[in-house]
Structures are given as structure tokens and as C-alpha cells.
Amino acid sequence: MSDHHGHRRLLFVVVAGLFVLTAVLVFVKVRFLDFSLSDRSSVFYQLDAMVSFLAAAGQPVRVSLALPELTPGYYFIPVPEGSHRFRMIEEEGDRRVVLELPPATGRQTITCRFRVVPGSVPEPMLPPPEHRFPVLSDATAAACDAVLAKADPDRRLAPEQLIPALLRELGSVSPAERKLLAGKSRSGEGTLAAAITVLGRCCIPARLLRGISLDDRRLQQQPVDFLDVYFDGEWHVFRASTGKPGLPKGFLILQRGGKSLFELSGGSHSSIRYSVTRVPAGAERLNRIRSRIIGERSFPNLTLFALPAATQNMFQKLALLPLAILLIVVARNIVGIPTMGTFMPVLIAMAFLEMKLLPGIVCFLLILSVGLAIRFWLSKLNLLMVPRISAVVVVVILLMQFISVVANAFRLRDFMAVTFFPLIIIAWTIERASTTWEEDGARNTLMQLGASLAIAAVCYLILSNGYLQYLLYSFSELNLAILGVILLLGTYTGYRVTELFRFQPLVKQ
């Protein structure tokens, strides 16, 4: 008995220590390191440009990367904190970042890092274009006139009206016509390249504009193209898909003019991708203090904020898992809600993160219903467990493909976000539900599925909360306090809330 009380006291001491340590670390970050408890202040963006290529054996590698253009509302600061050091040069009037590496072999990935700081930056004064329109062949000129005749039959539309109509018309032409209109444009063979040619036929200067969204919910991004058109004495941006003027909120301009985003020598099969993540400004102060104490190069930067942006985005989502797990502990051990598996609701919630909540629930119920029917039919064949689960996975894959095709046909984009991760989760949920159905009956199975779905919805709201994500990632020591609460709940041996309601008639007697 004394040993039991001794272990309990030790547990309380450990929990108290976790709470005190959490409070101290949070206080130090807020008071001395300029960390903010608000996710709307003292935040900058970390932009990683990652160039992947197959290195040519024995040849030095040189990568020339376009420096991001000045975007209203943001400052750009190249930082030597990426994988490699770099230098800045100017080529043909364009500022570029150059990285030079010794010879290498195999697949290589190099990273150039930029700091994007929100601020009151005025609209840049862009110079007017040089009116040098290419000479078109007779076939290309005739194709341009045909498109213009459909987009503006009366030739009376102003440029701001002509451009959306032109983009809609070009979206419906055949690939061969689009390729003819694009010609030898450096902008490629798509709709925007064709629009640049057609507008040149009207003596309206136009060019390609590329950029990415400052959205840290995406692990990686590819540049998105816009149409940049000059009329009325200034440049105007139009979206390629809708023709809507203006840039989306939080859009970062990478390049104007259709020139290459990057150039590579000493390698082949190259590609570029970008990752963006939000970083608390206090992380910079923490890094400066670390550098002063241990030296810039004497020891690696052992902080989460030194990780690549894509990795940070992944860990930002994982940072909320302890809070979701705490919810499961409270639901099962304190409230007494039966769930389909211990942590299955959390896994279902993570599957919902690939879609929005309502499309996720609809797809989950649809796939679960069909999967259970197939699973019951398979059980009659007396298959072994591994082949049975494998068959369920194949069926789920076919169902997801069918849902994606139908969603694409009806332009239901949210229903198309199906990936490998929710596939495995749903397959195991089907197997677990069918086993519970056979052992405990339909009523208990439906109750557990309903409870699991309800808790999964709450977990989804937690995991998708931007402020909680920022808080638990910037102040990761808060998970120590969550750990302490879980340890305390582990000592609870009293009645659960549902048991109080269940035994209430006996209490009255």
C-alpha cells in the first residue's frame, strides 16, 4: 500500500513539474524572445524554393533562380539559412540568385530560402512595355482574327471587357488551334500564351505572371500563371481560368515576363517546387541568441524552425495530435463514449483533413456502407484475413476513383480530395466495423460508428483550427502540460458520466 501511495506521489510530482516547466518556457518565449500568443502579429513567411535534378557525373552544378518580384504588402529577404550558400547577380535586367556546387552524382535537391515579411510596401511602379509585337504567319494571324471575331464580334469592347471574353473563348478552342496561336512563345502552349499572341494582334502588350499562394496548408506548390496586360497606362492582372481581374489575397509574385524561373547547368530532368510556412518572429530572435552563444557554424540549428518549410507544415498539423488524443481520453475514460477502436476517431479526422468536413462525412459514410456490404459478402467465402482486407482495399480504391470521376463531372472539387492515407484508414474501419457487427450485433456497431464519427468531427475542428495549430507549434512545450493532464486522467477510477445515467434507476431504488 505504501508503494502504491509512493508511486502516486511521484506521479503528482512529475505532473506538477511538467506544468511548471511549461509555464516557465512559455513565459521566457513571450517575455524575452518576442514570441506572440497571437497568430496575427509578429509572423513572417518562410519560402523554400527547392530545385530537384539529376546531376551529370563530373560536372559542376550551377543553378540560377529568379528572385521573387516585389509584391505589394510584402518584403523579400534572401537568407543564407538553406541547404547551400548563394550569391545575387543581375542578368538581362533581372535579379537572380545563383548557387554553385561541386560535381555530384545521382538525384540532387538544393534549397534556396527567402523570408517574406508582411509590411506596408507601396505598389511598385512598373515600367511600360516595349512595343515589339512578333510578326505572325498568315495562318496564325487568321486564327487570331477568328478568335477575336467570336470574343468581340463588333470590336467595341474595352480591354477590361475584351480580356475575360477572350480567355473564355480560348478555353474552348482545340489543342491544335491553341498550339498554333501560342506559336514559339516562351510562355508555353497554353491558353495564356495564346492570349498573349491574340492581344499582340490587337497591339495590346501582355505577358505571363507567375506566383504562388502564401498558404501554409499545402506541403508543396507549383507556380500558378496569370495574364499581365498593359492598358490605360498601367499593368492589369487577370486570372487564366475565369478572366477575373486582380490577384488573389496572399498571392506572392515570383516572376513577370515568361522567362525561366530557374536555369540549370551540370544536370538534367530538373523541376522546381515551392513550400511556404508561417514562422513566429520570435524564432529569429531565438536563432540569433543561439548563434551568439554557440557560434553560427560550430553547432547545427536544432530547432523546429530550421526545418524545411514543407516539413514544418507537416509538423504543424501533427502538433495538434496530443490535443485530439486528450479529447479521446476524456471521451472514453471520463464520459464513457464507446468508439470504434481507441484512436480510430483521430485517424478518421485526419482523413477528413484531406477534404472539408461535410464532403468528408458524406464520402466516408458512402464508402463505409458499400465497403461493409462487400465485406459481409466476402465473409461468406471464408477467406483468410489478409486476402479479405486486401480485397476491401481494392474495392475502396475503385469507389474513390468512381467518386472522383463523378465529382469532377459535376465540378465538386471538395469530393475529389481522396488520397492514399484516408484509403488505408477507411479500409481498416470497414474491417473493424464488420468484425464488431459479427461479435456485438448491429446496434452496438452503429452506436460505436456514430460516436466515432461525432468525436472525429470534433477532432477535425481541433486539427483544422489555425490558431491552435500556431499556438501548439510555436509553443510546443504546451504538449508537456497536455501530457500531464493525460497522466492525471490515467489515475481516475470513478464512475463515467454515461454510467451515472445508466445506474440512475438503481440509485432511486
Protein backbone atom coordinates (compact mmCIF):
# COMPACT_ATOMS: atom_id res chain seq x y z
CA MET A 1 0.00 0.00 0.00
CA SER A 2 2.84 2.33 0.88
CA ASP A 3 4.46 1.60 -2.50
CA HIS A 4 1.20 2.50 -4.20
CA HIS A 5 0.97 5.81 -2.36
CA GLY A 6 4.63 6.47 -3.12
CA HIS A 7 4.08 5.97 -6.84
CA ARG A 8 1.03 8.24 -6.72
CA ARG A 9 3.02 10.99 -5.02
CA LEU A 10 5.79 10.58 -7.59
CA LEU A 11 3.22 10.89 -10.37
CA PHE A 12 1.82 14.10 -8.89
CA VAL A 13 5.34 15.50 -8.56
CA VAL A 14 6.08 14.65 -12.21
CA VAL A 15 2.82 16.25 -13.36
CA ALA A 16 3.46 19.37 -11.28
CA GLY A 17 6.96 19.57 -12.77
CA LEU A 18 5.52 19.34 -16.29
CA PHE A 19 3.10 22.20 -15.56
CA VAL A 20 5.82 24.38 -14.03
CA LEU A 21 8.24 23.68 -16.90
CA THR A 22 5.53 24.54 -19.45
CA ALA A 23 4.73 27.82 -17.71
CA VAL A 24 8.42 28.79 -17.47
CA LEU A 25 9.16 28.04 -21.12
CA VAL A 26 6.10 29.92 -22.36
CA PHE A 27 6.96 32.91 -20.15
CA VAL A 28 10.57 33.01 -21.42
CA LYS A 29 9.43 32.85 -25.05
CA VAL A 30 6.86 35.60 -24.63
CA ARG A 31 8.87 37.87 -22.32
CA PHE A 32 12.41 37.57 -23.67
CA LEU A 33 12.23 36.00 -27.17
CA ASP A 34 9.39 38.10 -28.66
CA PHE A 35 7.12 35.14 -29.29
CA SER A 36 3.50 36.21 -29.55
CA LEU A 37 0.41 34.39 -28.32
CA SER A 38 -1.47 35.86 -31.27
CA ASP A 39 -1.22 34.24 -34.69
CA ARG A 40 -1.89 37.54 -36.45
CA SER A 41 1.11 39.50 -35.23
CA SER A 42 4.87 39.05 -35.25
CA VAL A 43 4.71 36.47 -38.02
CA PHE A 44 6.68 36.17 -41.26
CA TYR A 45 6.66 33.58 -44.04
CA GLN A 46 9.48 31.22 -44.88
CA LEU A 47 9.64 30.46 -48.61
CA ASP A 48 11.73 27.50 -49.75
CA ALA A 49 12.46 27.12 -53.45
CA MET A 50 13.57 23.52 -54.00
CA VAL A 51 15.24 22.57 -57.28
CA SER A 52 15.46 18.84 -57.94
CA PHE A 53 17.64 17.44 -60.74
CA LEU A 54 19.73 14.51 -61.90
CA ALA A 55 23.37 15.55 -61.62
CA ALA A 56 25.75 14.91 -64.52
CA ALA A 57 28.77 12.99 -63.28
CA GLY A 58 31.97 15.00 -63.12
CA GLN A 59 30.36 18.37 -63.94
CA PRO A 60 29.98 21.31 -61.56
CA VAL A 61 26.42 22.38 -60.90
CA ARG A 62 25.13 25.91 -61.37
CA VAL A 63 21.55 26.92 -60.59
CA SER A 64 20.23 30.37 -61.46
CA LEU A 65 16.94 31.13 -59.73
CA ALA A 66 14.69 34.12 -60.39
CA LEU A 67 14.45 36.41 -57.37
CA PRO A 68 10.81 36.95 -56.33
CA GLU A 69 9.30 40.13 -57.66
CA LEU A 70 8.25 42.95 -55.38
CA THR A 71 4.68 42.25 -54.27
CA PRO A 72 2.56 44.97 -52.62
CA GLY A 73 2.35 44.32 -48.90
CA TYR A 74 5.45 42.10 -48.59
CA TYR A 75 9.21 42.49 -48.22
CA PHE A 76 11.55 39.83 -49.61
CA ILE A 77 14.79 38.96 -47.86
CA PRO A 78 17.07 36.17 -49.19
CA VAL A 79 18.60 34.34 -46.24
CA PRO A 80 21.66 32.09 -46.20
CA GLU A 81 19.93 29.53 -44.00
CA GLY A 82 19.02 26.99 -46.63
CA SER A 83 20.95 23.96 -47.69
CA HIS A 84 23.51 25.96 -49.67
CA ARG A 85 25.04 29.42 -49.76
CA PHE A 86 24.25 31.65 -52.70
CA ARG A 87 25.11 34.97 -54.35
CA MET A 88 22.92 37.51 -56.12
CA ILE A 89 23.57 38.73 -59.67
CA GLU A 90 21.73 40.66 -62.36
CA GLU A 91 21.18 39.07 -65.78
CA GLU A 92 19.49 40.96 -68.60
CA GLY A 93 17.90 43.34 -66.14
CA ASP A 94 16.58 40.54 -63.90
CA ARG A 95 17.84 39.92 -60.37
CA ARG A 96 18.66 36.26 -59.82
CA VAL A 97 20.04 34.02 -57.11
CA VAL A 98 22.93 31.79 -58.15
CA LEU A 99 24.04 28.64 -56.38
CA GLU A 100 27.24 26.88 -57.48
CA LEU A 101 28.06 23.39 -56.23
CA PRO A 102 30.86 20.91 -56.80
CA PRO A 103 30.30 17.88 -59.04
CA ALA A 104 27.78 15.37 -57.74
CA THR A 105 26.06 12.17 -58.86
CA GLY A 106 22.50 10.92 -58.72
CA ARG A 107 19.30 12.77 -57.82
CA GLN A 108 20.01 16.06 -56.02
CA THR A 109 17.81 18.67 -54.34
CA ILE A 110 19.04 22.12 -53.41
CA THR A 111 17.11 24.73 -51.48
CA CYS A 112 17.15 28.49 -51.62
CA ARG A 113 15.34 30.19 -48.73
CA PHE A 114 13.61 33.56 -48.65
CA ARG A 115 11.98 35.43 -45.81
CA VAL A 116 8.70 37.09 -46.76
CA VAL A 117 7.79 39.79 -44.26
CA PRO A 118 4.34 41.42 -44.31
CA GLY A 119 4.60 45.20 -44.39
CA SER A 120 3.25 48.37 -45.92
CA VAL A 121 5.05 48.18 -49.26
CA PRO A 122 3.71 50.60 -51.88
CA GLU A 123 2.54 49.42 -55.27
CA PRO A 124 5.67 49.08 -57.45
CA MET A 125 5.93 51.46 -60.39
CA LEU A 126 6.30 49.06 -63.28
CA PRO A 127 7.77 50.45 -66.49
CA PRO A 128 5.67 50.47 -69.65
CA PRO A 129 6.44 47.66 -72.06
CA GLU A 130 8.48 47.83 -75.21
CA HIS A 131 6.05 47.69 -78.09
CA ARG A 132 7.69 44.87 -80.02
CA PHE A 133 4.99 42.60 -81.31
CA PRO A 134 6.11 39.49 -83.23
CA VAL A 135 5.39 39.12 -86.90
CA LEU A 136 2.69 36.49 -87.29
CA SER A 137 2.35 33.99 -90.08
CA ASP A 138 -0.72 34.12 -92.25
CA ALA A 139 -2.21 31.06 -90.54
CA THR A 140 -1.61 32.44 -87.04
CA ALA A 141 -2.99 35.87 -87.97
CA ALA A 142 -6.10 34.25 -89.44
CA ALA A 143 -6.57 32.16 -86.27
CA CYS A 144 -6.24 35.31 -84.14
CA ASP A 145 -8.85 37.12 -86.22
CA ALA A 146 -11.23 34.17 -85.93
CA VAL A 147 -10.94 34.09 -82.14
CA LEU A 148 -11.37 37.87 -81.90
CA ALA A 149 -14.45 37.69 -84.12
CA LYS A 150 -16.08 35.30 -81.64
CA ALA A 151 -14.92 37.08 -78.46
CA ASP A 152 -15.73 40.59 -79.72
CA PRO A 153 -17.87 40.46 -82.88
CA ASP A 154 -18.42 44.22 -83.01
CA ARG A 155 -14.86 45.14 -81.99
CA ARG A 156 -16.24 47.57 -79.41
CA LEU A 157 -15.18 46.01 -76.12
CA ALA A 158 -12.76 47.84 -73.87
CA PRO A 159 -9.63 45.89 -72.83
CA GLU A 160 -11.02 45.09 -69.36
CA GLN A 161 -14.09 43.54 -71.07
CA LEU A 162 -12.27 42.01 -74.03
CA ILE A 163 -9.74 40.03 -71.98
CA PRO A 164 -12.25 37.91 -69.95
CA ALA A 165 -14.23 37.21 -73.13
CA LEU A 166 -11.03 36.28 -74.95
CA LEU A 167 -9.90 33.89 -72.19
CA ARG A 168 -13.30 32.17 -72.19
CA GLU A 169 -13.15 31.75 -75.95
CA LEU A 170 -9.59 30.41 -75.89
CA GLY A 171 -10.59 27.89 -73.24
CA SER A 172 -12.95 26.24 -75.75
CA VAL A 173 -10.67 26.03 -78.79
CA SER A 174 -8.99 22.80 -79.82
CA PRO A 175 -5.45 21.95 -78.62
CA ALA A 176 -4.18 22.28 -82.20
CA GLU A 177 -5.60 25.80 -82.52
CA ARG A 178 -4.23 26.76 -79.12
CA LYS A 179 -0.79 25.50 -80.10
CA LEU A 180 -0.94 27.44 -83.35
CA LEU A 181 -1.90 30.62 -81.53
CA ALA A 182 0.83 30.19 -78.94
CA GLY A 183 3.46 29.85 -81.67
CA LYS A 184 7.00 29.98 -80.36
CA SER A 185 6.10 31.92 -77.23
CA ARG A 186 8.30 31.35 -74.22
CA SER A 187 5.11 31.16 -72.21
CA GLY A 188 4.38 27.65 -73.45
CA GLU A 189 1.48 26.32 -75.48
CA GLY A 190 -1.42 27.00 -73.10
CA THR A 191 -4.31 29.43 -73.04
CA LEU A 192 -2.26 32.33 -71.67
CA ALA A 193 0.40 32.01 -74.38
CA ALA A 194 -2.35 32.06 -76.99
CA ALA A 195 -3.96 35.09 -75.30
CA ILE A 196 -0.64 36.96 -75.41
CA THR A 197 -0.44 36.32 -79.18
CA VAL A 198 -4.04 37.38 -79.83
CA LEU A 199 -3.66 40.54 -77.74
CA GLY A 200 -0.47 41.33 -79.65
CA ARG A 201 -2.58 41.16 -82.81
CA CYS A 202 -4.65 43.97 -81.23
CA CYS A 203 -1.45 45.87 -80.29
CA ILE A 204 -2.13 45.31 -76.60
CA PRO A 205 1.06 44.34 -74.70
CA ALA A 206 0.68 41.28 -72.50
CA ARG A 207 2.95 38.91 -70.63
CA LEU A 208 2.94 35.99 -68.23
CA LEU A 209 2.93 36.48 -64.47
CA ARG A 210 3.83 33.60 -62.15
CA GLY A 211 3.49 33.19 -58.44
CA ILE A 212 2.31 31.07 -55.54
CA SER A 213 -0.13 31.46 -52.68
CA LEU A 214 1.10 32.18 -49.16
CA ASP A 215 -0.83 29.14 -47.95
CA ASP A 216 0.98 27.00 -45.40
CA ARG A 217 -1.72 24.30 -45.56
CA ARG A 218 -0.10 22.91 -48.71
CA LEU A 219 3.09 20.95 -48.30
CA GLN A 220 4.36 21.91 -51.76
CA GLN A 221 3.21 24.19 -54.55
CA GLN A 222 3.79 24.66 -58.23
CA PRO A 223 3.76 28.21 -59.66
CA VAL A 224 0.40 29.44 -60.94
CA ASP A 225 0.21 31.51 -64.14
CA PHE A 226 -1.74 34.75 -64.60
CA LEU A 227 -2.13 37.14 -67.53
CA ASP A 228 -0.50 40.56 -67.09
CA VAL A 229 -1.87 43.12 -69.60
CA TYR A 230 -0.88 46.75 -70.19
CA PHE A 231 -3.58 49.30 -70.96
CA ASP A 232 -4.73 52.68 -69.64
CA GLY A 233 -1.16 53.45 -68.64
CA GLU A 234 -0.66 50.58 -66.18
CA TRP A 235 -0.46 46.79 -65.84
CA HIS A 236 -3.57 44.74 -65.02
CA VAL A 237 -3.63 41.10 -63.89
CA PHE A 238 -6.29 38.58 -64.99
CA ARG A 239 -6.90 35.03 -63.81
CA ALA A 240 -6.46 32.42 -66.51
CA SER A 241 -9.43 30.22 -65.57
CA THR A 242 -12.12 32.86 -65.00
CA GLY A 243 -10.78 36.05 -66.52
CA LYS A 244 -11.43 37.80 -63.21
CA PRO A 245 -9.17 40.82 -62.71
CA GLY A 246 -6.78 41.16 -59.80
CA LEU A 247 -4.57 38.81 -57.83
CA PRO A 248 -5.92 36.54 -55.07
CA LYS A 249 -5.34 37.60 -51.48
CA GLY A 250 -1.99 36.49 -50.14
CA PHE A 251 -0.51 35.89 -53.60
CA LEU A 252 3.25 36.11 -53.99
CA ILE A 253 4.64 37.18 -57.37
CA LEU A 254 7.67 35.16 -58.41
CA GLN A 255 8.30 36.43 -61.93
CA ARG A 256 6.91 38.52 -64.78
CA GLY A 257 7.55 38.15 -68.48
CA GLY A 258 7.63 34.41 -69.12
CA LYS A 259 11.36 33.98 -68.57
CA SER A 260 12.59 30.84 -66.89
CA LEU A 261 12.07 30.53 -63.16
CA PHE A 262 15.36 28.70 -62.92
CA GLU A 263 18.21 27.63 -65.17
CA LEU A 264 20.42 24.62 -64.55
CA SER A 265 23.81 23.55 -65.86
CA GLY A 266 25.51 20.33 -64.87
CA GLY A 267 22.30 18.32 -64.60
CA SER A 268 19.11 17.19 -66.31
CA HIS A 269 15.49 16.17 -65.59
CA SER A 270 15.05 19.21 -63.36
CA SER A 271 11.97 20.58 -61.63
CA ILE A 272 11.16 23.27 -59.10
CA ARG A 273 8.64 23.38 -56.29
CA TYR A 274 7.92 25.85 -53.54
CA SER A 275 6.93 25.47 -49.91
CA VAL A 276 5.62 28.20 -47.62
CA THR A 277 5.21 28.18 -43.86
CA ARG A 278 4.40 30.78 -41.23
CA VAL A 279 7.11 31.35 -38.65
CA PRO A 280 6.79 33.41 -35.44
CA ALA A 281 9.13 36.38 -35.42
CA GLY A 282 10.46 35.18 -32.07
CA ALA A 283 12.10 32.28 -33.87
CA GLU A 284 14.51 34.75 -35.45
CA ARG A 285 15.48 36.16 -32.07
CA LEU A 286 15.91 32.62 -30.75
CA ASN A 287 18.20 31.79 -33.65
CA ARG A 288 20.29 34.96 -33.10
CA ILE A 289 20.73 34.16 -29.42
CA ARG A 290 21.72 30.60 -30.30
CA SER A 291 24.29 31.89 -32.79
CA ARG A 292 25.83 34.24 -30.22
CA ILE A 293 26.08 31.50 -27.59
CA ILE A 294 27.40 28.54 -29.57
CA GLY A 295 28.52 30.15 -32.83
CA GLU A 296 26.96 30.13 -36.25
CA ARG A 297 28.85 27.14 -37.59
CA SER A 298 30.08 25.31 -34.52
CA PHE A 299 26.78 23.52 -33.94
CA PRO A 300 23.71 22.86 -36.07
CA ASN A 301 20.49 24.79 -35.59
CA LEU A 302 18.46 22.32 -33.54
CA THR A 303 15.05 23.99 -33.72
CA LEU A 304 11.82 23.15 -35.49
CA PHE A 305 12.00 26.46 -37.32
CA ALA A 306 15.21 25.43 -39.08
CA LEU A 307 13.46 22.55 -40.84
CA PRO A 308 12.37 22.85 -44.49
CA ALA A 309 9.08 24.67 -44.95
CA ALA A 310 7.25 21.54 -46.17
CA THR A 311 8.42 19.60 -43.12
CA GLN A 312 7.36 22.41 -40.81
CA ASN A 313 3.87 22.40 -42.34
CA MET A 314 3.60 18.68 -41.67
CA PHE A 315 4.70 19.08 -38.06
CA GLN A 316 2.26 21.96 -37.58
CA LYS A 317 -0.57 19.53 -38.29
CA LEU A 318 0.97 16.85 -36.07
CA ALA A 319 1.37 19.40 -33.25
CA LEU A 320 -2.38 19.21 -32.61
CA LEU A 321 -2.48 15.42 -32.28
CA PRO A 322 -1.81 15.44 -28.49
CA LEU A 323 -4.82 17.73 -28.02
CA ALA A 324 -7.00 15.41 -30.12
CA ILE A 325 -5.70 12.42 -28.17
CA LEU A 326 -6.61 14.20 -24.92
CA LEU A 327 -10.14 14.54 -26.27
CA ILE A 328 -10.25 10.78 -26.88
CA VAL A 329 -9.06 10.10 -23.33
CA VAL A 330 -11.76 12.35 -21.88
CA ALA A 331 -14.46 10.87 -24.14
CA ARG A 332 -13.62 7.26 -23.27
CA ASN A 333 -12.40 7.37 -19.67
CA ILE A 334 -14.43 10.23 -18.24
CA VAL A 335 -17.59 10.45 -20.36
CA GLY A 336 -17.65 6.76 -21.31
CA ILE A 337 -18.41 7.14 -25.03
CA PRO A 338 -17.77 3.88 -26.93
CA THR A 339 -15.72 4.35 -30.09
CA MET A 340 -14.67 2.14 -32.97
CA GLY A 341 -11.14 1.47 -31.78
CA THR A 342 -9.16 3.57 -29.35
CA PHE A 343 -7.72 6.19 -31.70
CA MET A 344 -9.80 5.48 -34.80
CA PRO A 345 -11.72 8.83 -34.46
CA VAL A 346 -8.42 10.73 -34.65
CA LEU A 347 -7.42 8.80 -37.77
CA ILE A 348 -10.81 9.47 -39.34
CA ALA A 349 -10.41 13.18 -38.50
CA MET A 350 -7.01 13.21 -40.22
CA ALA A 351 -8.67 11.66 -43.25
CA PHE A 352 -11.23 14.48 -43.13
CA LEU A 353 -8.36 16.98 -43.29
CA GLU A 354 -7.84 15.95 -46.91
CA MET A 355 -11.35 17.26 -47.58
CA LYS A 356 -13.75 19.59 -45.84
CA LEU A 357 -15.88 18.20 -43.03
CA LEU A 358 -19.21 17.74 -44.83
CA PRO A 359 -17.76 16.19 -48.03
CA GLY A 360 -15.57 14.03 -45.80
CA ILE A 361 -18.54 12.70 -43.80
CA VAL A 362 -20.58 12.06 -46.96
CA CYS A 363 -17.74 10.21 -48.69
CA PHE A 364 -16.89 8.30 -45.52
CA LEU A 365 -20.48 7.09 -45.00
CA LEU A 366 -20.89 6.20 -48.67
CA ILE A 367 -17.66 4.24 -48.87
CA LEU A 368 -18.27 2.65 -45.47
CA SER A 369 -21.76 1.45 -46.45
CA VAL A 370 -20.67 -0.07 -49.74
CA GLY A 371 -17.50 -1.46 -48.16
CA LEU A 372 -19.45 -3.15 -45.35
CA ALA A 373 -21.79 -4.77 -47.90
CA ILE A 374 -18.80 -6.10 -49.83
CA ARG A 375 -17.13 -7.20 -46.61
CA PHE A 376 -20.19 -9.22 -45.48
CA TRP A 377 -20.30 -10.90 -48.87
CA LEU A 378 -16.58 -11.74 -48.64
CA SER A 379 -17.07 -13.27 -45.18
CA LYS A 380 -19.35 -15.88 -46.74
CA LEU A 381 -16.47 -17.02 -48.93
CA ASN A 382 -14.44 -17.99 -45.84
CA LEU A 383 -11.39 -16.00 -46.93
CA LEU A 384 -8.34 -15.56 -44.73
CA MET A 385 -7.91 -12.18 -43.02
CA VAL A 386 -5.11 -10.73 -45.18
CA PRO A 387 -6.75 -11.53 -48.55
CA ARG A 388 -10.08 -10.29 -47.17
CA ILE A 389 -8.67 -6.93 -46.10
CA SER A 390 -6.75 -6.67 -49.39
CA ALA A 391 -9.99 -7.20 -51.30
CA VAL A 392 -11.65 -4.45 -49.24
CA VAL A 393 -8.76 -2.08 -50.05
CA VAL A 394 -9.19 -2.76 -53.78
CA VAL A 395 -12.93 -2.10 -53.52
CA VAL A 396 -12.30 1.14 -51.64
CA ILE A 397 -9.84 2.26 -54.34
CA LEU A 398 -12.46 1.64 -57.03
CA LEU A 399 -15.10 3.52 -55.01
CA MET A 400 -12.78 6.50 -54.52
CA GLN A 401 -12.00 6.57 -58.23
CA PHE A 402 -15.71 6.50 -59.03
CA ILE A 403 -16.45 9.32 -56.56
CA SER A 404 -13.60 11.42 -58.00
CA VAL A 405 -14.84 10.93 -61.59
CA VAL A 406 -18.42 11.88 -60.66
CA ALA A 407 -17.23 14.84 -58.57
CA ASN A 408 -15.11 16.09 -61.46
CA ALA A 409 -18.03 15.81 -63.87
CA PHE A 410 -20.24 17.90 -61.58
CA ARG A 411 -17.35 20.26 -60.54
CA LEU A 412 -17.50 19.20 -56.88
CA ARG A 413 -13.83 19.88 -56.11
CA ASP A 414 -14.04 19.08 -52.41
CA PHE A 415 -15.12 15.50 -53.15
CA MET A 416 -12.05 14.88 -55.28
CA ALA A 417 -9.54 15.15 -52.43
CA VAL A 418 -9.01 11.46 -51.87
CA THR A 419 -5.53 10.19 -51.14
CA PHE A 420 -3.68 7.09 -50.04
CA PHE A 421 -3.86 8.00 -46.36
CA PRO A 422 -7.67 8.04 -45.91
CA LEU A 423 -7.79 4.93 -48.10
CA ILE A 424 -6.00 2.81 -45.52
CA ILE A 425 -7.96 4.34 -42.65
CA ILE A 426 -11.32 3.64 -44.27
CA ALA A 427 -10.31 0.09 -45.22
CA TRP A 428 -9.37 -0.72 -41.63
CA THR A 429 -12.53 0.97 -40.33
CA ILE A 430 -14.62 -1.27 -42.60
CA GLU A 431 -12.82 -4.36 -41.34
CA ARG A 432 -13.18 -3.30 -37.69
CA ALA A 433 -16.88 -2.41 -38.12
CA SER A 434 -17.69 -5.73 -39.78
CA THR A 435 -15.92 -7.66 -37.01
CA THR A 436 -17.79 -5.70 -34.33
CA TRP A 437 -21.07 -6.33 -36.20
CA GLU A 438 -20.47 -10.07 -36.12
CA GLU A 439 -19.42 -10.14 -32.47
CA ASP A 440 -21.64 -7.50 -30.78
CA GLY A 441 -24.52 -7.02 -33.20
CA ALA A 442 -25.74 -4.22 -35.44
CA ARG A 443 -26.95 -1.91 -32.64
CA ASN A 444 -23.60 -1.73 -30.84
CA THR A 445 -21.77 -1.34 -34.14
CA LEU A 446 -23.93 1.58 -35.27
CA MET A 447 -23.60 3.23 -31.84
CA GLN A 448 -19.81 2.95 -31.97
CA LEU A 449 -19.70 4.22 -35.55
CA GLY A 450 -21.94 7.18 -34.69
CA ALA A 451 -19.90 8.03 -31.60
CA SER A 452 -16.64 7.66 -33.55
CA LEU A 453 -17.94 9.92 -36.31
CA ALA A 454 -19.09 12.57 -33.80
CA ILE A 455 -15.75 12.56 -31.97
CA ALA A 456 -13.93 12.57 -35.33
CA ALA A 457 -15.86 15.72 -36.28
CA VAL A 458 -14.76 17.42 -33.04
CA CYS A 459 -11.18 16.25 -33.60
CA TYR A 460 -11.35 17.66 -37.12
CA LEU A 461 -12.39 21.07 -35.78
CA ILE A 462 -9.39 20.93 -33.44
CA LEU A 463 -6.91 19.77 -36.09
CA SER A 464 -8.09 22.36 -38.62
CA ASN A 465 -8.04 25.29 -36.20
CA GLY A 466 -5.38 27.69 -37.40
CA TYR A 467 -4.87 29.44 -34.09
CA LEU A 468 -4.46 26.23 -32.09
CA GLN A 469 -2.09 24.98 -34.76
CA TYR A 470 0.03 28.12 -34.45
CA LEU A 471 -0.07 28.05 -30.64
CA LEU A 472 0.91 24.40 -30.17
CA TYR A 473 3.62 24.60 -32.83
CA SER A 474 5.18 27.87 -31.70
CA PHE A 475 4.86 26.84 -28.06
CA SER A 476 5.42 23.10 -28.43
CA GLU A 477 6.13 22.89 -24.68
CA LEU A 478 2.35 23.17 -24.16
CA ASN A 479 2.25 19.49 -25.08
CA LEU A 480 4.07 18.84 -21.80
CA ALA A 481 1.05 20.24 -19.96
CA ILE A 482 -1.24 18.09 -22.11
CA LEU A 483 0.90 15.09 -21.17
CA GLY A 484 0.47 15.99 -17.51
CA VAL A 485 -3.33 16.13 -17.88
CA ILE A 486 -3.35 12.73 -19.62
CA LEU A 487 -1.28 11.24 -16.78
CA LEU A 488 -3.72 12.65 -14.22
CA LEU A 489 -6.72 11.29 -16.12
CA GLY A 490 -5.00 7.92 -16.14
CA THR A 491 -5.45 7.73 -12.36
CA TYR A 492 -9.22 8.26 -12.50
CA THR A 493 -11.14 5.13 -11.42
CA GLY A 494 -14.54 6.61 -10.63
CA TYR A 495 -17.81 6.33 -12.48
CA ARG A 496 -18.04 7.56 -16.04
CA VAL A 497 -20.73 10.10 -16.96
CA THR A 498 -22.67 7.58 -19.03
CA GLU A 499 -22.57 5.09 -16.15
CA LEU A 500 -24.18 7.64 -13.84
CA PHE A 501 -27.13 7.88 -16.20
CA ARG A 502 -27.25 4.11 -16.67
CA PHE A 503 -27.31 3.35 -12.94
CA GLN A 504 -29.64 6.20 -12.01
CA PRO A 505 -32.69 3.89 -11.69
CA LEU A 506 -30.79 1.75 -9.15
CA VAL A 507 -29.88 4.84 -7.15
CA LYS A 508 -33.54 5.87 -6.99
CA GLN A 509 -34.49 2.41 -5.69
